[in-house]
Amino acid sequence: MIVNTYNLNMIPDRVLPLVMVSQYDTSRCIVFNLYDGESEYQPTSAKVLIGTNQYDGQVSGNQVTFNVPSELTQTAQYLFGEIVATDSNGKMSSLNFKFKVDSTPMQTNTLTLGKSLSNGLKTALDLKIEPTEEKTEPIEDEPVEEVVEEPTEEEQTEPIEETEETEEPVEDEPIEEEPIEENEDELVNDNTDN
């Protein structure tokens, strides 16, 4: 059995406590620990009201235990609940709370589907799935037309012909110096022209 425990204060608060269960639950137990401020509140008897239904709560010390009936969890719903407690002096006190049955992803009772789901899962796990190889046929190359672009005006310059000149290594030959003969007449004529 799944047990949810809530600590509830009999002094009213602005925010109501939220008690949540799941849709189609059949073995859910709610334990309310009751307090009066800081001290434990110990009722002698308690009734649990949820929606329009009334259920007897089992009291032990400050605990009120309530087994959620399966008919209350058949529909996903949001209800208001109340604990009506009677103390040893015969005074009644109440505490309000919100009761939410959270919807299940499955839209039918999981208990009736339990065997078929486990069998289906077992079958799915027993399957051996082989990876498939994708077969692709090669694409045949189609002839591609060569596009020749006309040169623009800027590009229309005469091509420079490159020629390869091979120079043979030249051996160093000694240069013979010839004596320079100076002619005095020529030197004088050059000076007179100026």
N, C-alpha and C. Protein backbone atom coordinates (compact mmCIF):
# COMPACT_ATOMS: atom_id res chain seq x y z
N MET A 1 0.85 -1.18 0.00
CA MET A 1 0.00 0.00 0.00
C MET A 1 0.90 1.24 0.00
N ILE A 2 0.53 2.21 -0.79
CA ILE A 2 1.26 3.48 -0.87
C ILE A 2 0.70 4.41 0.20
N VAL A 3 1.58 5.00 1.00
CA VAL A 3 1.15 5.87 2.09
C VAL A 3 1.67 7.28 1.82
N ASN A 4 0.75 8.24 1.78
CA ASN A 4 1.10 9.66 1.68
C ASN A 4 0.83 10.29 3.05
N THR A 5 1.80 11.02 3.57
CA THR A 5 1.65 11.64 4.89
C THR A 5 1.65 13.15 4.73
N TYR A 6 0.68 13.82 5.37
CA TYR A 6 0.55 15.27 5.32
C TYR A 6 0.47 15.82 6.74
N ASN A 7 1.24 16.87 7.01
CA ASN A 7 1.16 17.58 8.29
C ASN A 7 0.21 18.74 8.10
N LEU A 8 -0.91 18.72 8.83
CA LEU A 8 -1.93 19.74 8.67
C LEU A 8 -2.16 20.47 9.99
N ASN A 9 -2.30 21.78 9.88
CA ASN A 9 -2.56 22.60 11.06
C ASN A 9 -4.04 22.93 11.12
N MET A 10 -4.64 22.73 12.28
CA MET A 10 -6.07 22.99 12.45
C MET A 10 -6.36 24.50 12.42
N ILE A 11 -5.34 25.33 12.59
CA ILE A 11 -5.53 26.77 12.47
C ILE A 11 -5.57 27.09 10.97
N PRO A 12 -6.66 27.72 10.50
CA PRO A 12 -6.81 27.96 9.06
C PRO A 12 -5.68 28.82 8.49
N ASP A 13 -5.31 28.52 7.27
CA ASP A 13 -4.28 29.27 6.54
C ASP A 13 -4.93 29.77 5.26
N ARG A 14 -4.31 30.75 4.63
CA ARG A 14 -4.86 31.29 3.37
C ARG A 14 -4.81 30.26 2.25
N VAL A 15 -3.79 29.43 2.27
CA VAL A 15 -3.60 28.44 1.21
C VAL A 15 -4.04 27.08 1.74
N LEU A 16 -4.95 26.45 1.03
CA LEU A 16 -5.40 25.13 1.43
C LEU A 16 -4.36 24.08 1.08
N PRO A 17 -4.13 23.12 1.96
CA PRO A 17 -3.20 22.03 1.65
C PRO A 17 -3.72 21.22 0.46
N LEU A 18 -2.81 20.68 -0.34
CA LEU A 18 -3.18 19.90 -1.52
C LEU A 18 -2.80 18.44 -1.29
N VAL A 19 -3.80 17.57 -1.40
CA VAL A 19 -3.60 16.13 -1.29
C VAL A 19 -3.76 15.56 -2.70
N MET A 20 -2.73 14.85 -3.17
CA MET A 20 -2.76 14.34 -4.55
C MET A 20 -2.68 12.83 -4.57
N VAL A 21 -3.47 12.23 -5.45
CA VAL A 21 -3.41 10.79 -5.73
C VAL A 21 -3.43 10.63 -7.24
N SER A 22 -3.15 9.43 -7.71
CA SER A 22 -3.16 9.16 -9.14
C SER A 22 -4.45 8.46 -9.54
N GLN A 23 -4.85 8.71 -10.76
CA GLN A 23 -6.06 8.09 -11.30
C GLN A 23 -5.89 6.57 -11.30
N TYR A 24 -6.94 5.85 -10.97
CA TYR A 24 -7.03 4.40 -10.92
C TYR A 24 -6.24 3.78 -9.76
N ASP A 25 -5.78 4.57 -8.79
CA ASP A 25 -5.13 3.99 -7.61
C ASP A 25 -6.13 3.12 -6.86
N THR A 26 -5.65 1.99 -6.36
CA THR A 26 -6.54 1.11 -5.57
C THR A 26 -5.99 0.86 -4.18
N SER A 27 -4.74 1.16 -3.94
CA SER A 27 -4.16 0.91 -2.62
C SER A 27 -3.40 2.14 -2.14
N ARG A 28 -4.13 3.21 -1.96
CA ARG A 28 -3.53 4.47 -1.50
C ARG A 28 -4.07 4.78 -0.11
N CYS A 29 -3.17 5.09 0.80
CA CYS A 29 -3.53 5.44 2.17
C CYS A 29 -3.02 6.85 2.45
N ILE A 30 -3.89 7.68 3.00
CA ILE A 30 -3.52 9.05 3.36
C ILE A 30 -3.45 9.13 4.88
N VAL A 31 -2.33 9.65 5.39
CA VAL A 31 -2.17 9.85 6.84
C VAL A 31 -2.06 11.35 7.07
N PHE A 32 -2.99 11.88 7.88
CA PHE A 32 -2.98 13.30 8.25
C PHE A 32 -2.44 13.42 9.67
N ASN A 33 -1.30 14.11 9.82
CA ASN A 33 -0.79 14.44 11.15
C ASN A 33 -1.38 15.80 11.51
N LEU A 34 -2.21 15.85 12.55
CA LEU A 34 -2.93 17.08 12.90
C LEU A 34 -2.21 17.85 14.01
N TYR A 35 -2.15 19.17 13.81
CA TYR A 35 -1.52 20.06 14.79
C TYR A 35 -2.44 21.23 15.08
N ASP A 36 -2.32 21.74 16.31
CA ASP A 36 -3.02 22.96 16.71
C ASP A 36 -1.92 23.97 16.99
N GLY A 37 -1.52 24.67 15.97
CA GLY A 37 -0.36 25.56 16.08
C GLY A 37 0.89 24.71 16.15
N GLU A 38 1.62 24.81 17.27
CA GLU A 38 2.87 24.05 17.46
C GLU A 38 2.61 22.69 18.11
N SER A 39 1.52 22.53 18.82
CA SER A 39 1.27 21.27 19.55
C SER A 39 0.39 20.32 18.74
N GLU A 40 0.50 19.05 19.08
CA GLU A 40 -0.30 18.04 18.39
C GLU A 40 -1.77 18.19 18.77
N TYR A 41 -2.62 17.99 17.79
CA TYR A 41 -4.06 17.98 18.03
C TYR A 41 -4.50 16.53 18.00
N GLN A 42 -5.07 16.03 19.11
CA GLN A 42 -5.43 14.62 19.20
C GLN A 42 -6.94 14.46 19.31
N PRO A 43 -7.58 14.17 18.17
CA PRO A 43 -9.03 13.96 18.22
C PRO A 43 -9.36 12.56 18.72
N THR A 44 -10.60 12.38 19.13
CA THR A 44 -11.06 11.04 19.54
C THR A 44 -11.71 10.33 18.38
N SER A 45 -12.26 11.08 17.43
CA SER A 45 -12.84 10.49 16.22
C SER A 45 -12.71 11.50 15.09
N ALA A 46 -12.81 11.00 13.86
CA ALA A 46 -12.68 11.89 12.71
C ALA A 46 -13.45 11.33 11.53
N LYS A 47 -14.03 12.22 10.78
CA LYS A 47 -14.69 11.89 9.50
C LYS A 47 -13.92 12.63 8.41
N VAL A 48 -13.77 11.98 7.27
CA VAL A 48 -13.12 12.61 6.13
C VAL A 48 -14.18 12.80 5.06
N LEU A 49 -14.40 14.05 4.68
CA LEU A 49 -15.37 14.39 3.64
C LEU A 49 -14.59 14.80 2.39
N ILE A 50 -14.89 14.12 1.28
CA ILE A 50 -14.26 14.48 0.00
C ILE A 50 -15.39 14.57 -1.01
N GLY A 51 -15.54 15.76 -1.59
CA GLY A 51 -16.65 15.98 -2.51
C GLY A 51 -17.95 15.79 -1.74
N THR A 52 -18.81 14.93 -2.21
CA THR A 52 -20.09 14.65 -1.53
C THR A 52 -20.03 13.35 -0.73
N ASN A 53 -18.86 12.73 -0.66
CA ASN A 53 -18.73 11.44 0.04
C ASN A 53 -18.15 11.64 1.43
N GLN A 54 -18.58 10.79 2.34
CA GLN A 54 -18.09 10.84 3.72
C GLN A 54 -17.48 9.49 4.06
N TYR A 55 -16.27 9.53 4.67
CA TYR A 55 -15.55 8.31 5.01
C TYR A 55 -15.12 8.40 6.46
N ASP A 56 -15.03 7.26 7.12
CA ASP A 56 -14.55 7.21 8.50
C ASP A 56 -13.04 7.20 8.48
N GLY A 57 -12.45 8.03 9.34
CA GLY A 57 -11.00 8.03 9.49
C GLY A 57 -10.61 7.27 10.73
N GLN A 58 -9.51 6.55 10.70
CA GLN A 58 -9.00 5.83 11.87
C GLN A 58 -8.08 6.78 12.63
N VAL A 59 -8.34 6.94 13.92
CA VAL A 59 -7.60 7.90 14.73
C VAL A 59 -6.63 7.16 15.64
N SER A 60 -5.37 7.66 15.68
CA SER A 60 -4.35 7.14 16.58
C SER A 60 -3.45 8.32 16.96
N GLY A 61 -3.60 8.81 18.20
CA GLY A 61 -2.84 9.97 18.64
C GLY A 61 -3.27 11.20 17.84
N ASN A 62 -2.31 11.83 17.17
CA ASN A 62 -2.65 13.00 16.34
C ASN A 62 -2.82 12.61 14.86
N GLN A 63 -2.82 11.31 14.58
CA GLN A 63 -2.94 10.86 13.20
C GLN A 63 -4.35 10.41 12.85
N VAL A 64 -4.80 10.86 11.67
CA VAL A 64 -6.04 10.38 11.09
C VAL A 64 -5.66 9.66 9.80
N THR A 65 -5.97 8.38 9.71
CA THR A 65 -5.62 7.57 8.56
C THR A 65 -6.88 7.31 7.74
N PHE A 66 -6.72 7.44 6.42
CA PHE A 66 -7.86 7.31 5.52
C PHE A 66 -7.42 6.50 4.31
N ASN A 67 -8.08 5.38 4.05
CA ASN A 67 -7.81 4.57 2.86
C ASN A 67 -8.66 5.09 1.72
N VAL A 68 -8.02 5.52 0.63
CA VAL A 68 -8.74 6.09 -0.51
C VAL A 68 -9.44 4.97 -1.26
N PRO A 69 -10.77 5.04 -1.38
CA PRO A 69 -11.49 4.00 -2.12
C PRO A 69 -11.26 4.15 -3.62
N SER A 70 -11.25 3.01 -4.35
CA SER A 70 -10.97 3.03 -5.78
C SER A 70 -12.01 3.81 -6.58
N GLU A 71 -13.28 3.87 -6.11
CA GLU A 71 -14.29 4.64 -6.87
C GLU A 71 -13.97 6.14 -6.86
N LEU A 72 -13.20 6.59 -5.88
CA LEU A 72 -12.84 8.01 -5.82
C LEU A 72 -11.74 8.36 -6.83
N THR A 73 -10.99 7.36 -7.29
CA THR A 73 -9.87 7.62 -8.21
C THR A 73 -10.18 7.23 -9.66
N GLN A 74 -11.41 6.85 -9.97
CA GLN A 74 -11.75 6.43 -11.33
C GLN A 74 -11.74 7.59 -12.33
N THR A 75 -11.99 8.79 -11.84
CA THR A 75 -12.07 9.96 -12.72
C THR A 75 -11.04 10.99 -12.27
N ALA A 76 -10.30 11.54 -13.22
CA ALA A 76 -9.39 12.64 -12.89
C ALA A 76 -10.25 13.83 -12.50
N GLN A 77 -10.03 14.34 -11.30
CA GLN A 77 -10.89 15.42 -10.80
C GLN A 77 -10.19 16.22 -9.74
N TYR A 78 -10.80 17.34 -9.43
CA TYR A 78 -10.30 18.26 -8.44
C TYR A 78 -11.45 18.53 -7.48
N LEU A 79 -11.32 18.09 -6.22
CA LEU A 79 -12.40 18.20 -5.24
C LEU A 79 -11.93 18.93 -3.99
N PHE A 80 -12.87 19.38 -3.21
CA PHE A 80 -12.56 19.95 -1.91
C PHE A 80 -12.86 18.91 -0.86
N GLY A 81 -12.01 18.86 0.15
CA GLY A 81 -12.17 17.89 1.23
C GLY A 81 -12.15 18.58 2.57
N GLU A 82 -12.57 17.83 3.58
CA GLU A 82 -12.62 18.39 4.93
C GLU A 82 -12.44 17.25 5.93
N ILE A 83 -11.67 17.53 6.96
CA ILE A 83 -11.57 16.60 8.08
C ILE A 83 -12.41 17.20 9.21
N VAL A 84 -13.38 16.45 9.66
CA VAL A 84 -14.21 16.89 10.79
C VAL A 84 -13.79 16.02 11.97
N ALA A 85 -13.13 16.65 12.94
CA ALA A 85 -12.58 15.93 14.09
C ALA A 85 -13.34 16.31 15.36
N THR A 86 -13.52 15.33 16.23
CA THR A 86 -14.17 15.55 17.52
C THR A 86 -13.13 15.25 18.59
N ASP A 87 -12.97 16.19 19.54
CA ASP A 87 -11.99 15.96 20.61
C ASP A 87 -12.66 15.29 21.81
N SER A 88 -11.91 15.11 22.88
CA SER A 88 -12.41 14.40 24.07
C SER A 88 -13.51 15.18 24.79
N ASN A 89 -13.62 16.46 24.57
CA ASN A 89 -14.67 17.29 25.18
C ASN A 89 -15.94 17.30 24.32
N GLY A 90 -15.92 16.60 23.18
CA GLY A 90 -17.08 16.54 22.31
C GLY A 90 -17.16 17.72 21.35
N LYS A 91 -16.09 18.57 21.31
CA LYS A 91 -16.09 19.72 20.40
C LYS A 91 -15.61 19.28 19.03
N MET A 92 -16.27 19.79 18.04
CA MET A 92 -15.91 19.46 16.66
C MET A 92 -15.07 20.58 16.05
N SER A 93 -14.06 20.19 15.34
CA SER A 93 -13.21 21.12 14.59
C SER A 93 -13.09 20.59 13.18
N SER A 94 -12.85 21.48 12.24
CA SER A 94 -12.70 21.02 10.86
C SER A 94 -11.49 21.68 10.21
N LEU A 95 -11.00 21.00 9.23
CA LEU A 95 -9.84 21.47 8.46
C LEU A 95 -10.13 21.19 7.00
N ASN A 96 -10.04 22.20 6.17
CA ASN A 96 -10.30 22.05 4.73
C ASN A 96 -9.00 21.77 3.98
N PHE A 97 -9.14 21.05 2.86
CA PHE A 97 -7.99 20.77 1.99
C PHE A 97 -8.50 20.57 0.57
N LYS A 98 -7.59 20.57 -0.37
CA LYS A 98 -7.91 20.28 -1.78
C LYS A 98 -7.49 18.84 -2.06
N PHE A 99 -8.32 18.15 -2.82
CA PHE A 99 -8.05 16.76 -3.16
C PHE A 99 -8.01 16.65 -4.69
N LYS A 100 -6.86 16.25 -5.21
CA LYS A 100 -6.72 16.17 -6.66
C LYS A 100 -6.40 14.75 -7.09
N VAL A 101 -7.20 14.24 -8.03
CA VAL A 101 -6.90 12.95 -8.66
C VAL A 101 -6.22 13.29 -9.98
N ASP A 102 -4.93 13.04 -10.02
CA ASP A 102 -4.12 13.39 -11.20
C ASP A 102 -4.38 12.38 -12.31
N SER A 103 -4.57 12.88 -13.53
CA SER A 103 -4.91 11.99 -14.65
C SER A 103 -3.70 11.16 -15.05
N THR A 104 -3.99 9.99 -15.54
CA THR A 104 -2.96 9.08 -16.03
C THR A 104 -2.88 9.22 -17.55
N PRO A 105 -1.74 8.95 -18.15
CA PRO A 105 -1.66 9.04 -19.61
C PRO A 105 -2.54 8.02 -20.31
N MET A 106 -2.86 6.93 -19.63
CA MET A 106 -3.73 5.91 -20.22
C MET A 106 -5.17 6.26 -19.89
N GLN A 107 -6.03 6.10 -20.82
CA GLN A 107 -7.41 6.50 -20.63
C GLN A 107 -8.31 5.36 -20.15
N THR A 108 -7.71 4.22 -19.76
CA THR A 108 -8.49 3.12 -19.20
C THR A 108 -7.80 2.65 -17.94
N ASN A 109 -8.47 1.84 -17.20
CA ASN A 109 -7.95 1.35 -15.94
C ASN A 109 -6.70 0.51 -16.18
N THR A 110 -5.61 0.88 -15.54
CA THR A 110 -4.34 0.16 -15.73
C THR A 110 -4.37 -1.22 -15.12
N LEU A 111 -5.28 -1.45 -14.18
CA LEU A 111 -5.34 -2.78 -13.58
C LEU A 111 -5.85 -3.81 -14.57
N THR A 112 -6.81 -3.44 -15.37
CA THR A 112 -7.32 -4.39 -16.35
C THR A 112 -6.35 -4.52 -17.51
N LEU A 113 -5.55 -3.50 -17.74
CA LEU A 113 -4.58 -3.57 -18.83
C LEU A 113 -3.25 -4.15 -18.39
N GLY A 114 -3.07 -4.31 -17.09
CA GLY A 114 -1.78 -4.72 -16.54
C GLY A 114 -1.19 -5.93 -17.22
N LYS A 115 -1.96 -7.01 -17.35
CA LYS A 115 -1.43 -8.23 -17.95
C LYS A 115 -1.14 -8.04 -19.43
N SER A 116 -2.03 -7.36 -20.15
CA SER A 116 -1.79 -7.18 -21.58
C SER A 116 -0.62 -6.24 -21.81
N LEU A 117 -0.43 -5.26 -20.93
CA LEU A 117 0.72 -4.36 -21.08
C LEU A 117 2.02 -5.10 -20.83
N SER A 118 2.07 -5.90 -19.76
CA SER A 118 3.31 -6.62 -19.48
C SER A 118 3.59 -7.65 -20.57
N ASN A 119 2.55 -8.30 -21.10
CA ASN A 119 2.76 -9.23 -22.20
C ASN A 119 3.24 -8.51 -23.45
N GLY A 120 2.66 -7.34 -23.71
CA GLY A 120 3.07 -6.55 -24.88
C GLY A 120 4.49 -6.08 -24.75
N LEU A 121 4.89 -5.67 -23.55
CA LEU A 121 6.26 -5.22 -23.34
C LEU A 121 7.22 -6.39 -23.50
N LYS A 122 6.86 -7.54 -22.97
CA LYS A 122 7.71 -8.73 -23.11
C LYS A 122 7.86 -9.07 -24.58
N THR A 123 6.77 -9.02 -25.33
CA THR A 123 6.82 -9.32 -26.76
C THR A 123 7.72 -8.32 -27.48
N ALA A 124 7.59 -7.04 -27.12
CA ALA A 124 8.41 -6.01 -27.77
C ALA A 124 9.89 -6.22 -27.47
N LEU A 125 10.20 -6.66 -26.24
CA LEU A 125 11.60 -6.88 -25.88
C LEU A 125 12.16 -8.13 -26.54
N ASP A 126 11.29 -9.12 -26.80
CA ASP A 126 11.75 -10.35 -27.44
C ASP A 126 12.04 -10.18 -28.93
N LEU A 127 11.48 -9.16 -29.53
CA LEU A 127 11.69 -8.95 -30.96
C LEU A 127 13.14 -8.59 -31.21
N LYS A 128 13.66 -9.12 -32.27
CA LYS A 128 15.02 -8.75 -32.68
C LYS A 128 14.89 -7.87 -33.89
N ILE A 129 15.30 -6.66 -33.75
CA ILE A 129 15.19 -5.71 -34.85
C ILE A 129 16.54 -5.62 -35.52
N GLU A 130 16.58 -6.01 -36.77
CA GLU A 130 17.82 -5.97 -37.54
C GLU A 130 17.94 -4.60 -38.20
N PRO A 131 19.12 -4.00 -38.16
CA PRO A 131 19.28 -2.73 -38.87
C PRO A 131 19.19 -2.96 -40.37
N THR A 132 18.55 -2.09 -41.05
CA THR A 132 18.41 -2.22 -42.49
C THR A 132 19.49 -1.40 -43.17
N GLU A 133 19.95 -1.94 -44.29
CA GLU A 133 20.95 -1.22 -45.07
C GLU A 133 20.23 -0.49 -46.18
N GLU A 134 20.55 0.75 -46.32
CA GLU A 134 19.95 1.51 -47.42
C GLU A 134 20.72 1.21 -48.69
N LYS A 135 20.01 0.83 -49.70
CA LYS A 135 20.65 0.55 -50.98
C LYS A 135 20.42 1.76 -51.87
N THR A 136 21.52 2.33 -52.27
CA THR A 136 21.43 3.48 -53.16
C THR A 136 22.13 3.13 -54.46
N GLU A 137 21.56 3.54 -55.54
CA GLU A 137 22.16 3.29 -56.84
C GLU A 137 23.02 4.49 -57.19
N PRO A 138 24.17 4.22 -57.80
CA PRO A 138 25.03 5.36 -58.14
C PRO A 138 24.35 6.25 -59.19
N ILE A 139 24.59 7.50 -59.06
CA ILE A 139 24.03 8.46 -60.02
C ILE A 139 24.98 8.53 -61.21
N GLU A 140 24.42 8.36 -62.39
CA GLU A 140 25.25 8.42 -63.60
C GLU A 140 25.62 9.86 -63.87
N ASP A 141 26.90 10.04 -64.27
CA ASP A 141 27.36 11.39 -64.58
C ASP A 141 26.75 11.84 -65.90
N GLU A 142 26.16 12.99 -65.85
CA GLU A 142 25.61 13.57 -67.07
C GLU A 142 26.67 14.50 -67.66
N PRO A 143 26.73 14.60 -68.99
CA PRO A 143 27.73 15.49 -69.58
C PRO A 143 27.44 16.94 -69.16
N VAL A 144 28.51 17.61 -68.83
CA VAL A 144 28.38 18.99 -68.39
C VAL A 144 28.91 19.88 -69.52
N GLU A 145 28.10 20.86 -69.91
CA GLU A 145 28.54 21.78 -70.95
C GLU A 145 29.54 22.75 -70.35
N GLU A 146 30.63 22.96 -71.11
CA GLU A 146 31.64 23.88 -70.62
C GLU A 146 31.24 25.29 -71.01
N VAL A 147 31.21 26.13 -70.05
CA VAL A 147 30.81 27.51 -70.28
C VAL A 147 32.08 28.34 -70.40
N VAL A 148 32.21 29.03 -71.54
CA VAL A 148 33.36 29.89 -71.77
C VAL A 148 32.87 31.33 -71.64
N GLU A 149 33.49 32.06 -70.78
CA GLU A 149 33.08 33.45 -70.58
C GLU A 149 33.94 34.35 -71.46
N GLU A 150 33.29 35.33 -72.04
CA GLU A 150 34.01 36.32 -72.85
C GLU A 150 34.74 37.26 -71.90
N PRO A 151 35.98 37.63 -72.26
CA PRO A 151 36.70 38.54 -71.37
C PRO A 151 36.12 39.96 -71.46
N THR A 152 36.16 40.66 -70.35
CA THR A 152 35.68 42.05 -70.34
C THR A 152 36.74 42.92 -70.97
N GLU A 153 36.41 44.21 -71.15
CA GLU A 153 37.36 45.13 -71.78
C GLU A 153 38.64 45.25 -70.98
N GLU A 154 38.50 45.27 -69.70
CA GLU A 154 39.68 45.38 -68.85
C GLU A 154 40.57 44.16 -68.99
N GLU A 155 39.95 43.03 -69.21
CA GLU A 155 40.72 41.80 -69.32
C GLU A 155 41.28 41.59 -70.72
N GLN A 156 40.86 42.42 -71.68
CA GLN A 156 41.32 42.25 -73.05
C GLN A 156 42.64 42.96 -73.27
N THR A 157 43.65 42.51 -72.73
CA THR A 157 45.00 43.04 -72.94
C THR A 157 45.78 41.96 -73.66
N GLU A 158 46.82 42.40 -74.31
CA GLU A 158 47.60 41.43 -75.06
C GLU A 158 48.32 40.51 -74.07
N PRO A 159 48.24 39.29 -74.37
CA PRO A 159 48.91 38.38 -73.44
C PRO A 159 50.42 38.55 -73.52
N ILE A 160 51.00 38.42 -72.37
CA ILE A 160 52.46 38.52 -72.30
C ILE A 160 53.01 37.12 -72.52
N GLU A 161 53.90 37.10 -73.56
CA GLU A 161 54.48 35.80 -73.83
C GLU A 161 55.66 35.60 -72.91
N GLU A 162 55.64 34.51 -72.32
CA GLU A 162 56.75 34.21 -71.44
C GLU A 162 57.70 33.29 -72.19
N THR A 163 58.92 33.71 -72.21
CA THR A 163 59.93 32.88 -72.86
C THR A 163 60.92 32.47 -71.81
N GLU A 164 61.37 31.34 -71.99
CA GLU A 164 62.36 30.86 -71.05
C GLU A 164 63.73 31.02 -71.68
N GLU A 165 64.51 31.84 -71.06
CA GLU A 165 65.88 32.00 -71.53
C GLU A 165 66.78 31.30 -70.55
N THR A 166 67.57 30.50 -71.12
CA THR A 166 68.50 29.81 -70.26
C THR A 166 69.86 30.44 -70.48
N GLU A 167 70.41 30.88 -69.45
CA GLU A 167 71.74 31.49 -69.53
C GLU A 167 72.75 30.45 -69.13
N GLU A 168 73.76 30.41 -69.98
CA GLU A 168 74.82 29.48 -69.64
C GLU A 168 75.78 30.19 -68.73
N PRO A 169 76.28 29.47 -67.83
CA PRO A 169 77.22 30.13 -66.91
C PRO A 169 78.45 30.65 -67.67
N VAL A 170 78.81 31.84 -67.33
CA VAL A 170 79.96 32.47 -67.99
C VAL A 170 81.15 32.37 -67.06
N GLU A 171 82.21 31.96 -67.70
CA GLU A 171 83.42 31.85 -66.90
C GLU A 171 84.07 33.21 -66.83
N ASP A 172 84.61 33.49 -65.71
CA ASP A 172 85.27 34.78 -65.52
C ASP A 172 86.59 34.80 -66.29
N GLU A 173 86.68 35.81 -67.20
CA GLU A 173 87.90 35.96 -67.96
C GLU A 173 88.58 37.24 -67.50
N PRO A 174 89.84 37.20 -67.43
CA PRO A 174 90.53 38.44 -67.00
C PRO A 174 90.38 39.53 -68.06
N ILE A 175 90.09 40.70 -67.62
CA ILE A 175 89.92 41.84 -68.53
C ILE A 175 91.27 42.52 -68.68
N GLU A 176 91.60 42.73 -69.96
CA GLU A 176 92.86 43.38 -70.22
C GLU A 176 92.61 44.87 -70.33
N GLU A 177 93.42 45.61 -69.67
CA GLU A 177 93.25 47.04 -69.70
C GLU A 177 94.14 47.62 -70.79
N GLU A 178 93.54 48.45 -71.59
CA GLU A 178 94.30 49.09 -72.64
C GLU A 178 94.64 50.50 -72.17
N PRO A 179 95.77 50.90 -72.48
CA PRO A 179 96.14 52.26 -72.06
C PRO A 179 95.34 53.29 -72.85
N ILE A 180 94.94 54.31 -72.20
CA ILE A 180 94.15 55.36 -72.82
C ILE A 180 95.13 56.41 -73.35
N GLU A 181 94.96 56.72 -74.61
CA GLU A 181 95.80 57.74 -75.21
C GLU A 181 95.03 59.02 -75.25
N GLU A 182 95.65 59.99 -74.79
CA GLU A 182 94.94 61.26 -74.74
C GLU A 182 95.49 62.16 -75.83
N ASN A 183 94.56 62.76 -76.44
CA ASN A 183 94.92 63.68 -77.48
C ASN A 183 94.65 65.08 -76.96
N GLU A 184 95.68 65.92 -76.94
CA GLU A 184 95.55 67.23 -76.38
C GLU A 184 94.68 68.13 -77.23
N ASP A 185 94.70 67.98 -78.49
CA ASP A 185 93.90 68.81 -79.40
C ASP A 185 92.41 68.56 -79.14
N GLU A 186 92.07 67.37 -78.92
CA GLU A 186 90.67 67.08 -78.69
C GLU A 186 90.21 67.67 -77.39
N LEU A 187 91.07 67.65 -76.40
CA LEU A 187 90.71 68.20 -75.12
C LEU A 187 90.50 69.71 -75.23
N VAL A 188 91.35 70.37 -76.01
CA VAL A 188 91.24 71.82 -76.17
C VAL A 188 89.97 72.17 -76.90
N ASN A 189 89.61 71.44 -77.93
CA ASN A 189 88.40 71.71 -78.72
C ASN A 189 87.16 71.54 -77.87
N ASP A 190 87.22 70.59 -77.05
CA ASP A 190 86.02 70.37 -76.21
C ASP A 190 85.82 71.54 -75.29
N ASN A 191 86.89 72.14 -74.85
CA ASN A 191 86.78 73.25 -73.92
C ASN A 191 86.36 74.55 -74.60
N THR A 192 86.71 74.71 -75.81
CA THR A 192 86.40 75.93 -76.53
C THR A 192 84.97 76.02 -76.98
N ASP A 193 84.33 74.92 -77.11
CA ASP A 193 82.91 74.93 -77.56
C ASP A 193 82.04 75.56 -76.49
N ASN A 194 82.43 75.58 -75.33
CA ASN A 194 81.59 76.07 -74.25
C ASN A 194 81.63 77.52 -74.19
